[in-house]
Each structure stands twice: as structure tokens, then as C-alpha cells.
Amino acid sequence: MADLGNVNKLEKRYNQEISLFGERLRRLREQKKLTQLDMEIASGINRTEISRIENGQKNIEFLTLVKLAIALDAEIKDFFSD
């Protein structure tokens, strides 16, 4: 049986990373002076989904990450470093 302490630590870390990713996405978007609507148009990702990602409420798949990077004219690594 899994140690619940380790499971809780992993879940906490998972949630922290998702939130951090969302913060970086928002920062990159704002640096480019883009709205969430601009991002929706450029990426094809609904602005409600973009909002959920930025607020740490949604995990994304790799294809979504690629679409966001293209819309921001950024590299994928930009989402993972300051």
C-alpha cells in the first residue's frame, strides 16, 4: 500500500508546478502585451481554458504547450525558467 504522506507530498508538488507554470504563462503573455482573447485567436485555445491554465486550475498536454509557445513566439523552455 502506498504511503499517504508521500502521495500527499507528490500531489502538493504537482499542484505547485501547475500553478507556477500558469504564472509563467501569464507573465509571458503580459510581457508581449497580449490579452487572453489575443491568445485565443493566435493559439486556437479557448480563452476560458487559457484563464484556467494561468490560474493553476488545469493541467495541459504537450500539444497545448506547443500552441501556447507558438502564439507567444516563445520557446518551450521559456515556460520553465525565469
PDB file of N, CA and C in Angstrom:
ATOM      1  N   MET A   1       0.843  -1.194   0.000  1.00  0.00           N
ATOM      2  CA  MET A   1       0.000   0.000   0.000  1.00  0.00           C
ATOM      3  C   MET A   1       0.884   1.251   0.000  1.00  0.00           C
ATOM      4  N   ALA A   2       0.492   2.258  -0.771  1.00  0.00           N
ATOM      5  CA  ALA A   2       1.275   3.490  -0.887  1.00  0.00           C
ATOM      6  C   ALA A   2       1.252   4.273   0.413  1.00  0.00           C
ATOM      7  N   ASP A   3       2.370   4.889   0.716  1.00  0.00           N
ATOM      8  CA  ASP A   3       2.484   5.754   1.881  1.00  0.00           C
ATOM      9  C   ASP A   3       1.726   7.048   1.588  1.00  0.00           C
ATOM     10  N   LEU A   4       0.687   7.330   2.373  1.00  0.00           N
ATOM     11  CA  LEU A   4      -0.148   8.500   2.117  1.00  0.00           C
ATOM     12  C   LEU A   4       0.635   9.805   2.259  1.00  0.00           C
ATOM     13  N   GLY A   5       1.648   9.815   3.123  1.00  0.00           N
ATOM     14  CA  GLY A   5       2.482  11.003   3.260  1.00  0.00           C
ATOM     15  C   GLY A   5       3.198  11.327   1.965  1.00  0.00           C
ATOM     16  N   ASN A   6       3.731  10.303   1.312  1.00  0.00           N
ATOM     17  CA  ASN A   6       4.418  10.520   0.034  1.00  0.00           C
ATOM     18  C   ASN A   6       3.447  10.921  -1.065  1.00  0.00           C
ATOM     19  N   VAL A   7       2.276  10.320  -1.051  1.00  0.00           N
ATOM     20  CA  VAL A   7       1.258  10.665  -2.054  1.00  0.00           C
ATOM     21  C   VAL A   7       0.864  12.126  -1.883  1.00  0.00           C
ATOM     22  N   ASN A   8       0.658  12.564  -0.654  1.00  0.00           N
ATOM     23  CA  ASN A   8       0.282  13.959  -0.403  1.00  0.00           C
ATOM     24  C   ASN A   8       1.391  14.918  -0.807  1.00  0.00           C
ATOM     25  N   LYS A   9       2.643  14.552  -0.568  1.00  0.00           N
ATOM     26  CA  LYS A   9       3.776  15.388  -0.965  1.00  0.00           C
ATOM     27  C   LYS A   9       3.836  15.516  -2.487  1.00  0.00           C
ATOM     28  N   LEU A  10       3.618  14.396  -3.171  1.00  0.00           N
ATOM     29  CA  LEU A  10       3.634  14.420  -4.632  1.00  0.00           C
ATOM     30  C   LEU A  10       2.497  15.272  -5.180  1.00  0.00           C
ATOM     31  N   GLU A  11       1.330  15.133  -4.600  1.00  0.00           N
ATOM     32  CA  GLU A  11       0.182  15.904  -5.063  1.00  0.00           C
ATOM     33  C   GLU A  11       0.404  17.397  -4.815  1.00  0.00           C
ATOM     34  N   LYS A  12       0.976  17.727  -3.662  1.00  0.00           N
ATOM     35  CA  LYS A  12       1.269  19.123  -3.356  1.00  0.00           C
ATOM     36  C   LYS A  12       2.273  19.679  -4.361  1.00  0.00           C
ATOM     37  N   ARG A  13       3.317  18.929  -4.646  1.00  0.00           N
ATOM     38  CA  ARG A  13       4.335  19.371  -5.613  1.00  0.00           C
ATOM     39  C   ARG A  13       3.722  19.522  -7.001  1.00  0.00           C
ATOM     40  N   TYR A  14       2.896  18.572  -7.375  1.00  0.00           N
ATOM     41  CA  TYR A  14       2.207  18.605  -8.664  1.00  0.00           C
ATOM     42  C   TYR A  14       1.401  19.899  -8.802  1.00  0.00           C
ATOM     43  N   ASN A  15       0.629  20.225  -7.771  1.00  0.00           N
ATOM     44  CA  ASN A  15      -0.198  21.428  -7.792  1.00  0.00           C
ATOM     45  C   ASN A  15       0.653  22.694  -7.822  1.00  0.00           C
ATOM     46  N   GLN A  16       1.777  22.688  -7.107  1.00  0.00           N
ATOM     47  CA  GLN A  16       2.682  23.840  -7.117  1.00  0.00           C
ATOM     48  C   GLN A  16       3.256  24.070  -8.514  1.00  0.00           C
ATOM     49  N   GLU A  17       3.643  23.003  -9.171  1.00  0.00           N
ATOM     50  CA  GLU A  17       4.229  23.121 -10.511  1.00  0.00           C
ATOM     51  C   GLU A  17       3.208  23.619 -11.524  1.00  0.00           C
ATOM     52  N   ILE A  18       1.977  23.147 -11.417  1.00  0.00           N
ATOM     53  CA  ILE A  18       0.923  23.613 -12.320  1.00  0.00           C
ATOM     54  C   ILE A  18       0.672  25.107 -12.101  1.00  0.00           C
ATOM     55  N   SER A  19       0.635  25.536 -10.850  1.00  0.00           N
ATOM     56  CA  SER A  19       0.442  26.957 -10.546  1.00  0.00           C
ATOM     57  C   SER A  19       1.600  27.800 -11.055  1.00  0.00           C
ATOM     58  N   LEU A  20       2.815  27.316 -10.859  1.00  0.00           N
ATOM     59  CA  LEU A  20       4.000  28.040 -11.320  1.00  0.00           C
ATOM     60  C   LEU A  20       4.000  28.167 -12.839  1.00  0.00           C
ATOM     61  N   PHE A  21       3.627  27.108 -13.524  1.00  0.00           N
ATOM     62  CA  PHE A  21       3.531  27.161 -14.978  1.00  0.00           C
ATOM     63  C   PHE A  21       2.529  28.234 -15.403  1.00  0.00           C
ATOM     64  N   GLY A  22       1.376  28.256 -14.754  1.00  0.00           N
ATOM     65  CA  GLY A  22       0.350  29.246 -15.082  1.00  0.00           C
ATOM     66  C   GLY A  22       0.833  30.669 -14.872  1.00  0.00           C
ATOM     67  N   GLU A  23       1.573  30.885 -13.787  1.00  0.00           N
ATOM     68  CA  GLU A  23       2.125  32.211 -13.516  1.00  0.00           C
ATOM     69  C   GLU A  23       3.109  32.621 -14.608  1.00  0.00           C
ATOM     70  N   ARG A  24       3.923  31.688 -15.042  1.00  0.00           N
ATOM     71  CA  ARG A  24       4.889  31.995 -16.101  1.00  0.00           C
ATOM     72  C   ARG A  24       4.190  32.278 -17.419  1.00  0.00           C
ATOM     73  N   LEU A  25       3.138  31.522 -17.708  1.00  0.00           N
ATOM     74  CA  LEU A  25       2.366  31.774 -18.927  1.00  0.00           C
ATOM     75  C   LEU A  25       1.786  33.183 -18.889  1.00  0.00           C
ATOM     76  N   ARG A  26       1.179  33.549 -17.785  1.00  0.00           N
ATOM     77  CA  ARG A  26       0.585  34.882 -17.656  1.00  0.00           C
ATOM     78  C   ARG A  26       1.659  35.965 -17.825  1.00  0.00           C
ATOM     79  N   ARG A  27       2.797  35.770 -17.188  1.00  0.00           N
ATOM     80  CA  ARG A  27       3.877  36.749 -17.275  1.00  0.00           C
ATOM     81  C   ARG A  27       4.360  36.910 -18.729  1.00  0.00           C
ATOM     82  N   LEU A  28       4.554  35.793 -19.416  1.00  0.00           N
ATOM     83  CA  LEU A  28       4.978  35.851 -20.821  1.00  0.00           C
ATOM     84  C   LEU A  28       3.933  36.558 -21.682  1.00  0.00           C
ATOM     85  N   ARG A  29       2.672  36.239 -21.441  1.00  0.00           N
ATOM     86  CA  ARG A  29       1.582  36.866 -22.211  1.00  0.00           C
ATOM     87  C   ARG A  29       1.554  38.372 -21.960  1.00  0.00           C
ATOM     88  N   GLU A  30       1.675  38.765 -20.711  1.00  0.00           N
ATOM     89  CA  GLU A  30       1.630  40.181 -20.381  1.00  0.00           C
ATOM     90  C   GLU A  30       2.862  40.926 -20.898  1.00  0.00           C
ATOM     91  N   GLN A  31       4.012  40.274 -20.896  1.00  0.00           N
ATOM     92  CA  GLN A  31       5.221  40.903 -21.449  1.00  0.00           C
ATOM     93  C   GLN A  31       5.047  41.204 -22.931  1.00  0.00           C
ATOM     94  N   LYS A  32       4.300  40.341 -23.610  1.00  0.00           N
ATOM     95  CA  LYS A  32       4.035  40.544 -25.042  1.00  0.00           C
ATOM     96  C   LYS A  32       2.846  41.474 -25.278  1.00  0.00           C
ATOM     97  N   LYS A  33       2.254  41.955 -24.155  1.00  0.00           N
ATOM     98  CA  LYS A  33       1.096  42.852 -24.205  1.00  0.00           C
ATOM     99  C   LYS A  33      -0.089  42.228 -24.955  1.00  0.00           C
ATOM    100  N   LEU A  34      -0.313  40.950 -24.674  1.00  0.00           N
ATOM    101  CA  LEU A  34      -1.419  40.218 -25.281  1.00  0.00           C
ATOM    102  C   LEU A  34      -2.509  39.970 -24.254  1.00  0.00           C
ATOM    103  N   THR A  35      -3.755  40.024 -24.700  1.00  0.00           N
ATOM    104  CA  THR A  35      -4.873  39.647 -23.844  1.00  0.00           C
ATOM    105  C   THR A  35      -5.119  38.144 -23.989  1.00  0.00           C
ATOM    106  N   GLN A  36      -5.975  37.627 -23.146  1.00  0.00           N
ATOM    107  CA  GLN A  36      -6.347  36.223 -23.290  1.00  0.00           C
ATOM    108  C   GLN A  36      -7.099  36.015 -24.603  1.00  0.00           C
ATOM    109  N   LEU A  37      -7.842  37.005 -25.041  1.00  0.00           N
ATOM    110  CA  LEU A  37      -8.527  36.909 -26.336  1.00  0.00           C
ATOM    111  C   LEU A  37      -7.508  36.867 -27.473  1.00  0.00           C
ATOM    112  N   ASP A  38      -6.460  37.682 -27.388  1.00  0.00           N
ATOM    113  CA  ASP A  38      -5.387  37.629 -28.385  1.00  0.00           C
ATOM    114  C   ASP A  38      -4.790  36.225 -28.441  1.00  0.00           C
ATOM    115  N   MET A  39      -4.583  35.643 -27.255  1.00  0.00           N
ATOM    116  CA  MET A  39      -4.008  34.291 -27.176  1.00  0.00           C
ATOM    117  C   MET A  39      -4.955  33.258 -27.777  1.00  0.00           C
ATOM    118  N   GLU A  40      -6.243  33.426 -27.533  1.00  0.00           N
ATOM    119  CA  GLU A  40      -7.225  32.504 -28.115  1.00  0.00           C
ATOM    120  C   GLU A  40      -7.142  32.535 -29.637  1.00  0.00           C
ATOM    121  N   ILE A  41      -7.075  33.731 -30.185  1.00  0.00           N
ATOM    122  CA  ILE A  41      -7.012  33.875 -31.636  1.00  0.00           C
ATOM    123  C   ILE A  41      -5.720  33.283 -32.186  1.00  0.00           C
ATOM    124  N   ALA A  42      -4.605  33.549 -31.515  1.00  0.00           N
ATOM    125  CA  ALA A  42      -3.301  33.100 -32.009  1.00  0.00           C
ATOM    126  C   ALA A  42      -3.064  31.605 -31.819  1.00  0.00           C
ATOM    127  N   SER A  43      -3.665  31.025 -30.779  1.00  0.00           N
ATOM    128  CA  SER A  43      -3.371  29.622 -30.449  1.00  0.00           C
ATOM    129  C   SER A  43      -4.494  28.651 -30.775  1.00  0.00           C
ATOM    130  N   GLY A  44      -5.714  29.167 -30.896  1.00  0.00           N
ATOM    131  CA  GLY A  44      -6.857  28.279 -31.086  1.00  0.00           C
ATOM    132  C   GLY A  44      -7.339  27.651 -29.789  1.00  0.00           C
ATOM    133  N   ILE A  45      -6.799  28.118 -28.662  1.00  0.00           N
ATOM    134  CA  ILE A  45      -7.198  27.619 -27.343  1.00  0.00           C
ATOM    135  C   ILE A  45      -8.185  28.620 -26.755  1.00  0.00           C
ATOM    136  N   ASN A  46      -9.335  28.134 -26.351  1.00  0.00           N
ATOM    137  CA  ASN A  46     -10.372  28.978 -25.790  1.00  0.00           C
ATOM    138  C   ASN A  46      -9.822  29.804 -24.630  1.00  0.00           C
ATOM    139  N   ARG A  47     -10.217  31.088 -24.576  1.00  0.00           N
ATOM    140  CA  ARG A  47      -9.675  31.961 -23.525  1.00  0.00           C
ATOM    141  C   ARG A  47     -10.070  31.513 -22.119  1.00  0.00           C
ATOM    142  N   THR A  48     -11.188  30.813 -21.988  1.00  0.00           N
ATOM    143  CA  THR A  48     -11.562  30.257 -20.681  1.00  0.00           C
ATOM    144  C   THR A  48     -10.532  29.217 -20.250  1.00  0.00           C
ATOM    145  N   GLU A  49     -10.072  28.412 -21.201  1.00  0.00           N
ATOM    146  CA  GLU A  49      -9.035  27.416 -20.909  1.00  0.00           C
ATOM    147  C   GLU A  49      -7.719  28.105 -20.567  1.00  0.00           C
ATOM    148  N   ILE A  50      -7.405  29.169 -21.290  1.00  0.00           N
ATOM    149  CA  ILE A  50      -6.181  29.920 -21.001  1.00  0.00           C
ATOM    150  C   ILE A  50      -6.245  30.478 -19.583  1.00  0.00           C
ATOM    151  N   SER A  51      -7.382  31.000 -19.208  1.00  0.00           N
ATOM    152  CA  SER A  51      -7.566  31.516 -17.850  1.00  0.00           C
ATOM    153  C   SER A  51      -7.367  30.406 -16.815  1.00  0.00           C
ATOM    154  N   ARG A  52      -7.946  29.248 -17.064  1.00  0.00           N
ATOM    155  CA  ARG A  52      -7.810  28.122 -16.132  1.00  0.00           C
ATOM    156  C   ARG A  52      -6.348  27.676 -16.027  1.00  0.00           C
ATOM    157  N   ILE A  53      -5.630  27.697 -17.124  1.00  0.00           N
ATOM    158  CA  ILE A  53      -4.208  27.329 -17.106  1.00  0.00           C
ATOM    159  C   ILE A  53      -3.434  28.359 -16.293  1.00  0.00           C
ATOM    160  N   GLU A  54      -3.665  29.637 -16.573  1.00  0.00           N
ATOM    161  CA  GLU A  54      -2.947  30.695 -15.868  1.00  0.00           C
ATOM    162  C   GLU A  54      -3.236  30.699 -14.375  1.00  0.00           C
ATOM    163  N   ASN A  55      -4.411  30.261 -13.988  1.00  0.00           N
ATOM    164  CA  ASN A  55      -4.789  30.230 -12.572  1.00  0.00           C
ATOM    165  C   ASN A  55      -4.445  28.913 -11.891  1.00  0.00           C
ATOM    166  N   GLY A  56      -3.710  28.047 -12.591  1.00  0.00           N
ATOM    167  CA  GLY A  56      -3.279  26.794 -11.985  1.00  0.00           C
ATOM    168  C   GLY A  56      -4.392  25.792 -11.782  1.00  0.00           C
ATOM    169  N   GLN A  57      -5.459  25.915 -12.536  1.00  0.00           N
ATOM    170  CA  GLN A  57      -6.614  25.042 -12.387  1.00  0.00           C
ATOM    171  C   GLN A  57      -6.667  23.941 -13.431  1.00  0.00           C
ATOM    172  N   LYS A  58      -5.732  23.952 -14.349  1.00  0.00           N
ATOM    173  CA  LYS A  58      -5.785  22.972 -15.440  1.00  0.00           C
ATOM    174  C   LYS A  58      -4.393  22.522 -15.818  1.00  0.00           C
ATOM    175  N   ASN A  59      -4.226  21.229 -15.881  1.00  0.00           N
ATOM    176  CA  ASN A  59      -3.008  20.640 -16.413  1.00  0.00           C
ATOM    177  C   ASN A  59      -3.175  20.571 -17.931  1.00  0.00           C
ATOM    178  N   ILE A  60      -2.088  20.692 -18.654  1.00  0.00           N
ATOM    179  CA  ILE A  60      -2.195  20.698 -20.112  1.00  0.00           C
ATOM    180  C   ILE A  60      -1.378  19.573 -20.720  1.00  0.00           C
ATOM    181  N   GLU A  61      -1.692  19.270 -21.950  1.00  0.00           N
ATOM    182  CA  GLU A  61      -0.912  18.270 -22.681  1.00  0.00           C
ATOM    183  C   GLU A  61       0.143  18.987 -23.514  1.00  0.00           C
ATOM    184  N   PHE A  62       1.068  18.227 -24.040  1.00  0.00           N
ATOM    185  CA  PHE A  62       2.209  18.797 -24.751  1.00  0.00           C
ATOM    186  C   PHE A  62       1.781  19.622 -25.959  1.00  0.00           C
ATOM    187  N   LEU A  63       0.812  19.164 -26.713  1.00  0.00           N
ATOM    188  CA  LEU A  63       0.359  19.897 -27.891  1.00  0.00           C
ATOM    189  C   LEU A  63      -0.142  21.292 -27.514  1.00  0.00           C
ATOM    190  N   THR A  64      -0.827  21.408 -26.391  1.00  0.00           N
ATOM    191  CA  THR A  64      -1.295  22.708 -25.918  1.00  0.00           C
ATOM    192  C   THR A  64      -0.108  23.603 -25.594  1.00  0.00           C
ATOM    193  N   LEU A  65       0.916  23.032 -24.976  1.00  0.00           N
ATOM    194  CA  LEU A  65       2.130  23.786 -24.673  1.00  0.00           C
ATOM    195  C   LEU A  65       2.759  24.320 -25.959  1.00  0.00           C
ATOM    196  N   VAL A  66       2.816  23.504 -26.972  1.00  0.00           N
ATOM    197  CA  VAL A  66       3.386  23.923 -28.258  1.00  0.00           C
ATOM    198  C   VAL A  66       2.548  25.064 -28.853  1.00  0.00           C
ATOM    199  N   LYS A  67       1.245  24.952 -28.811  1.00  0.00           N
ATOM    200  CA  LYS A  67       0.374  26.003 -29.341  1.00  0.00           C
ATOM    201  C   LYS A  67       0.579  27.318 -28.604  1.00  0.00           C
ATOM    202  N   LEU A  68       0.709  27.243 -27.277  1.00  0.00           N
ATOM    203  CA  LEU A  68       0.931  28.451 -26.483  1.00  0.00           C
ATOM    204  C   LEU A  68       2.276  29.088 -26.833  1.00  0.00           C
ATOM    205  N   ALA A  69       3.294  28.267 -26.984  1.00  0.00           N
ATOM    206  CA  ALA A  69       4.623  28.781 -27.329  1.00  0.00           C
ATOM    207  C   ALA A  69       4.597  29.473 -28.689  1.00  0.00           C
ATOM    208  N   ILE A  70       3.943  28.870 -29.651  1.00  0.00           N
ATOM    209  CA  ILE A  70       3.858  29.469 -30.986  1.00  0.00           C
ATOM    210  C   ILE A  70       3.101  30.799 -30.919  1.00  0.00           C
ATOM    211  N   ALA A  71       1.991  30.822 -30.179  1.00  0.00           N
ATOM    212  CA  ALA A  71       1.194  32.043 -30.062  1.00  0.00           C
ATOM    213  C   ALA A  71       1.987  33.180 -29.420  1.00  0.00           C
ATOM    214  N   LEU A  72       2.896  32.837 -28.521  1.00  0.00           N
ATOM    215  CA  LEU A  72       3.706  33.841 -27.834  1.00  0.00           C
ATOM    216  C   LEU A  72       5.037  34.108 -28.529  1.00  0.00           C
ATOM    217  N   ASP A  73       5.281  33.401 -29.623  1.00  0.00           N
ATOM    218  CA  ASP A  73       6.582  33.485 -30.295  1.00  0.00           C
ATOM    219  C   ASP A  73       7.693  33.237 -29.276  1.00  0.00           C
ATOM    220  N   ALA A  74       7.512  32.166 -28.511  1.00  0.00           N
ATOM    221  CA  ALA A  74       8.437  31.811 -27.439  1.00  0.00           C
ATOM    222  C   ALA A  74       8.915  30.376 -27.646  1.00  0.00           C
ATOM    223  N   GLU A  75       9.903  30.014 -26.874  1.00  0.00           N
ATOM    224  CA  GLU A  75      10.377  28.634 -26.871  1.00  0.00           C
ATOM    225  C   GLU A  75       9.777  27.916 -25.669  1.00  0.00           C
ATOM    226  N   ILE A  76       9.616  26.630 -25.782  1.00  0.00           N
ATOM    227  CA  ILE A  76       9.037  25.843 -24.702  1.00  0.00           C
ATOM    228  C   ILE A  76       9.812  26.021 -23.407  1.00  0.00           C
ATOM    229  N   LYS A  77      11.128  26.131 -23.504  1.00  0.00           N
ATOM    230  CA  LYS A  77      11.946  26.288 -22.295  1.00  0.00           C
ATOM    231  C   LYS A  77      11.591  27.563 -21.537  1.00  0.00           C
ATOM    232  N   ASP A  78      11.035  28.556 -22.223  1.00  0.00           N
ATOM    233  CA  ASP A  78      10.676  29.820 -21.571  1.00  0.00           C
ATOM    234  C   ASP A  78       9.611  29.645 -20.503  1.00  0.00           C
ATOM    235  N   PHE A  79       8.841  28.583 -20.590  1.00  0.00           N
ATOM    236  CA  PHE A  79       7.794  28.321 -19.600  1.00  0.00           C
ATOM    237  C   PHE A  79       8.359  27.692 -18.318  1.00  0.00           C
ATOM    238  N   PHE A  80       9.612  27.289 -18.370  1.00  0.00           N
ATOM    239  CA  PHE A  80      10.176  26.534 -17.258  1.00  0.00           C
ATOM    240  C   PHE A  80      11.371  27.199 -16.613  1.00  0.00           C
ATOM    241  N   SER A  81      11.619  28.466 -16.960  1.00  0.00           N
ATOM    242  CA  SER A  81      12.711  29.195 -16.322  1.00  0.00           C
ATOM    243  C   SER A  81      12.311  30.662 -16.203  1.00  0.00           C
ATOM    244  N   ASP A  82      12.931  31.337 -15.290  1.00  0.00           N
ATOM    245  CA  ASP A  82      12.578  32.756 -15.076  1.00  0.00           C
ATOM    246  C   ASP A  82      13.378  33.681 -15.924  1.00  0.00           C
TER     247      ASP A  82
END
